[in-house]
Amino acid sequence: EIFAALADPVRVRFVRELPHGSECSGKTLASKLGVSLALLSHHAKILVASGLVRKRKEGQTTYYSADRAILKASVDGLL
């Protein structure tokens, strides 16, 4: 499921753009990636379902953060 979530280049960029140890708003992330909020939401849903990304809502704003431990464990499992 992890690798399927990362099969799309936009989702790889999504994870890479998330700052280490902090959050990024959906609006800021969509701007960085050059995609609409609707498309960001689509990709975020897949990444959250895989466990690679966490999502937190505060009012109308959604914040995303990466769970890099899951990504590292998945990659380490290949070696």
N, C-alpha and C. Protein backbone atom coordinates (compact mmCIF):
# COMPACT_ATOMS: atom_id res chain seq x y z
N GLU A 1 0.83 -1.20 0.00
CA GLU A 1 0.00 0.00 0.00
C GLU A 1 0.87 1.27 0.00
N ILE A 2 2.00 1.21 0.70
CA ILE A 2 2.92 2.36 0.74
C ILE A 2 3.44 2.68 -0.66
N PHE A 3 3.90 1.66 -1.35
CA PHE A 3 4.49 1.88 -2.67
C PHE A 3 3.43 2.24 -3.71
N ALA A 4 2.23 1.72 -3.54
CA ALA A 4 1.13 2.11 -4.43
C ALA A 4 0.80 3.59 -4.23
N ALA A 5 0.85 4.04 -2.98
CA ALA A 5 0.58 5.45 -2.70
C ALA A 5 1.64 6.35 -3.32
N LEU A 6 2.86 5.85 -3.40
CA LEU A 6 3.96 6.65 -3.96
C LEU A 6 4.17 6.42 -5.46
N ALA A 7 3.24 5.73 -6.10
CA ALA A 7 3.36 5.42 -7.53
C ALA A 7 3.11 6.65 -8.41
N ASP A 8 2.54 7.68 -7.85
CA ASP A 8 2.24 8.90 -8.61
C ASP A 8 3.28 9.98 -8.27
N PRO A 9 3.86 10.62 -9.27
CA PRO A 9 4.88 11.65 -9.02
C PRO A 9 4.39 12.82 -8.16
N VAL A 10 3.11 13.16 -8.26
CA VAL A 10 2.58 14.26 -7.45
C VAL A 10 2.59 13.86 -5.97
N ARG A 11 2.28 12.60 -5.69
CA ARG A 11 2.27 12.15 -4.29
C ARG A 11 3.69 12.07 -3.74
N VAL A 12 4.66 11.71 -4.55
CA VAL A 12 6.05 11.71 -4.11
C VAL A 12 6.46 13.14 -3.76
N ARG A 13 6.13 14.09 -4.62
CA ARG A 13 6.44 15.50 -4.36
C ARG A 13 5.71 16.00 -3.12
N PHE A 14 4.49 15.55 -2.93
CA PHE A 14 3.67 15.91 -1.76
C PHE A 14 4.45 15.56 -0.50
N VAL A 15 4.91 14.32 -0.39
CA VAL A 15 5.63 13.87 0.80
C VAL A 15 6.95 14.62 0.95
N ARG A 16 7.65 14.83 -0.16
CA ARG A 16 8.94 15.53 -0.11
C ARG A 16 8.80 16.99 0.33
N GLU A 17 7.70 17.63 -0.02
CA GLU A 17 7.48 19.03 0.33
C GLU A 17 7.09 19.24 1.79
N LEU A 18 6.64 18.18 2.45
CA LEU A 18 6.26 18.34 3.86
C LEU A 18 7.52 18.53 4.70
N PRO A 19 7.54 19.58 5.53
CA PRO A 19 8.72 19.84 6.34
C PRO A 19 8.94 18.76 7.40
N HIS A 20 10.19 18.48 7.68
CA HIS A 20 10.51 17.49 8.72
C HIS A 20 10.05 18.00 10.09
N GLY A 21 9.27 17.19 10.77
CA GLY A 21 8.87 17.49 12.14
C GLY A 21 7.84 18.60 12.30
N SER A 22 7.22 19.06 11.23
CA SER A 22 6.18 20.07 11.38
C SER A 22 5.09 19.85 10.33
N GLU A 23 4.13 20.74 10.32
CA GLU A 23 2.98 20.62 9.44
C GLU A 23 3.00 21.67 8.34
N CYS A 24 2.18 21.43 7.33
CA CYS A 24 2.01 22.38 6.24
C CYS A 24 0.52 22.41 5.90
N SER A 25 -0.01 23.61 5.70
CA SER A 25 -1.43 23.71 5.36
C SER A 25 -1.67 23.20 3.94
N GLY A 26 -2.87 22.74 3.69
CA GLY A 26 -3.23 22.26 2.37
C GLY A 26 -3.08 23.35 1.31
N LYS A 27 -3.47 24.56 1.64
CA LYS A 27 -3.38 25.67 0.70
C LYS A 27 -1.92 25.95 0.32
N THR A 28 -1.04 25.98 1.30
CA THR A 28 0.38 26.21 1.04
C THR A 28 0.97 25.07 0.22
N LEU A 29 0.62 23.85 0.57
CA LEU A 29 1.13 22.68 -0.13
C LEU A 29 0.64 22.66 -1.58
N ALA A 30 -0.63 22.96 -1.80
CA ALA A 30 -1.17 22.99 -3.17
C ALA A 30 -0.42 24.03 -4.01
N SER A 31 -0.13 25.17 -3.41
CA SER A 31 0.60 26.21 -4.11
C SER A 31 2.02 25.75 -4.47
N LYS A 32 2.70 25.11 -3.53
CA LYS A 32 4.05 24.61 -3.78
C LYS A 32 4.08 23.57 -4.90
N LEU A 33 3.04 22.74 -4.94
CA LEU A 33 2.98 21.66 -5.92
C LEU A 33 2.39 22.12 -7.26
N GLY A 34 1.76 23.28 -7.26
CA GLY A 34 1.15 23.78 -8.49
C GLY A 34 -0.10 23.00 -8.88
N VAL A 35 -0.88 22.57 -7.87
CA VAL A 35 -2.12 21.82 -8.13
C VAL A 35 -3.27 22.52 -7.41
N SER A 36 -4.49 22.18 -7.80
CA SER A 36 -5.67 22.73 -7.14
C SER A 36 -5.85 22.07 -5.77
N LEU A 37 -6.64 22.73 -4.92
CA LEU A 37 -6.94 22.13 -3.62
C LEU A 37 -7.71 20.82 -3.79
N ALA A 38 -8.55 20.73 -4.79
CA ALA A 38 -9.31 19.50 -5.04
C ALA A 38 -8.36 18.35 -5.39
N LEU A 39 -7.38 18.61 -6.25
CA LEU A 39 -6.43 17.56 -6.62
C LEU A 39 -5.54 17.21 -5.43
N LEU A 40 -5.15 18.21 -4.65
CA LEU A 40 -4.35 17.94 -3.46
C LEU A 40 -5.13 17.03 -2.51
N SER A 41 -6.40 17.32 -2.33
CA SER A 41 -7.25 16.52 -1.45
C SER A 41 -7.33 15.07 -1.92
N HIS A 42 -7.44 14.87 -3.22
CA HIS A 42 -7.47 13.53 -3.80
C HIS A 42 -6.20 12.76 -3.44
N HIS A 43 -5.05 13.38 -3.68
CA HIS A 43 -3.78 12.72 -3.39
C HIS A 43 -3.58 12.54 -1.89
N ALA A 44 -4.00 13.52 -1.10
CA ALA A 44 -3.86 13.43 0.35
C ALA A 44 -4.64 12.24 0.90
N LYS A 45 -5.82 12.01 0.37
CA LYS A 45 -6.66 10.89 0.84
C LYS A 45 -5.92 9.56 0.68
N ILE A 46 -5.24 9.38 -0.41
CA ILE A 46 -4.49 8.15 -0.67
C ILE A 46 -3.29 8.05 0.27
N LEU A 47 -2.58 9.16 0.46
CA LEU A 47 -1.41 9.16 1.33
C LEU A 47 -1.79 8.95 2.80
N VAL A 48 -2.90 9.54 3.22
CA VAL A 48 -3.37 9.35 4.60
C VAL A 48 -3.80 7.90 4.81
N ALA A 49 -4.49 7.32 3.85
CA ALA A 49 -4.93 5.92 3.96
C ALA A 49 -3.74 4.97 4.05
N SER A 50 -2.63 5.32 3.41
CA SER A 50 -1.44 4.46 3.45
C SER A 50 -0.66 4.62 4.75
N GLY A 51 -0.94 5.68 5.50
CA GLY A 51 -0.23 5.93 6.75
C GLY A 51 0.99 6.83 6.59
N LEU A 52 1.32 7.20 5.36
CA LEU A 52 2.50 8.04 5.13
C LEU A 52 2.30 9.48 5.58
N VAL A 53 1.06 9.94 5.56
CA VAL A 53 0.76 11.33 5.88
C VAL A 53 -0.34 11.36 6.93
N ARG A 54 -0.19 12.29 7.88
CA ARG A 54 -1.23 12.54 8.88
C ARG A 54 -1.95 13.84 8.53
N LYS A 55 -3.20 13.90 8.89
CA LYS A 55 -4.05 15.06 8.56
C LYS A 55 -4.68 15.57 9.84
N ARG A 56 -4.69 16.90 9.98
CA ARG A 56 -5.32 17.52 11.14
C ARG A 56 -6.12 18.73 10.66
N LYS A 57 -7.36 18.83 11.12
CA LYS A 57 -8.22 19.97 10.75
C LYS A 57 -8.26 20.95 11.92
N GLU A 58 -8.16 22.21 11.55
CA GLU A 58 -8.33 23.29 12.52
C GLU A 58 -9.23 24.32 11.86
N GLY A 59 -10.47 24.33 12.26
CA GLY A 59 -11.45 25.19 11.59
C GLY A 59 -11.62 24.72 10.15
N GLN A 60 -11.43 25.61 9.21
CA GLN A 60 -11.57 25.27 7.79
C GLN A 60 -10.25 24.83 7.16
N THR A 61 -9.17 24.95 7.93
CA THR A 61 -7.84 24.65 7.39
C THR A 61 -7.41 23.23 7.74
N THR A 62 -6.87 22.54 6.74
CA THR A 62 -6.33 21.20 6.94
C THR A 62 -4.81 21.29 6.92
N TYR A 63 -4.19 20.63 7.88
CA TYR A 63 -2.74 20.59 7.99
C TYR A 63 -2.27 19.16 7.77
N TYR A 64 -1.15 19.02 7.06
CA TYR A 64 -0.59 17.71 6.77
C TYR A 64 0.82 17.61 7.34
N SER A 65 1.17 16.41 7.79
CA SER A 65 2.53 16.13 8.23
C SER A 65 2.89 14.71 7.77
N ALA A 66 4.18 14.48 7.58
CA ALA A 66 4.64 13.17 7.08
C ALA A 66 5.02 12.27 8.24
N ASP A 67 4.72 11.00 8.10
CA ASP A 67 5.20 9.99 9.05
C ASP A 67 6.39 9.31 8.39
N ARG A 68 7.54 9.91 8.54
CA ARG A 68 8.74 9.42 7.86
C ARG A 68 9.22 8.08 8.41
N ALA A 69 8.83 7.73 9.63
CA ALA A 69 9.22 6.44 10.21
C ALA A 69 8.61 5.29 9.40
N ILE A 70 7.36 5.46 8.96
CA ILE A 70 6.71 4.42 8.14
C ILE A 70 7.41 4.30 6.80
N LEU A 71 7.75 5.42 6.21
CA LEU A 71 8.46 5.40 4.92
C LEU A 71 9.82 4.73 5.07
N LYS A 72 10.55 5.08 6.11
CA LYS A 72 11.87 4.49 6.34
C LYS A 72 11.76 2.99 6.58
N ALA A 73 10.79 2.57 7.38
CA ALA A 73 10.62 1.14 7.67
C ALA A 73 10.28 0.37 6.39
N SER A 74 9.51 0.96 5.50
CA SER A 74 9.14 0.31 4.25
C SER A 74 10.35 0.15 3.35
N VAL A 75 11.15 1.20 3.25
CA VAL A 75 12.35 1.15 2.41
C VAL A 75 13.37 0.20 3.00
N ASP A 76 13.56 0.25 4.33
CA ASP A 76 14.52 -0.64 4.98
C ASP A 76 14.13 -2.11 4.79
N GLY A 77 12.82 -2.36 4.71
CA GLY A 77 12.33 -3.72 4.52
C GLY A 77 12.70 -4.30 3.17
N LEU A 78 13.01 -3.44 2.21
CA LEU A 78 13.41 -3.90 0.89
C LEU A 78 14.88 -4.36 0.84
N LEU A 79 15.66 -3.85 1.75
CA LEU A 79 17.11 -4.11 1.72
C LEU A 79 17.51 -5.34 2.49
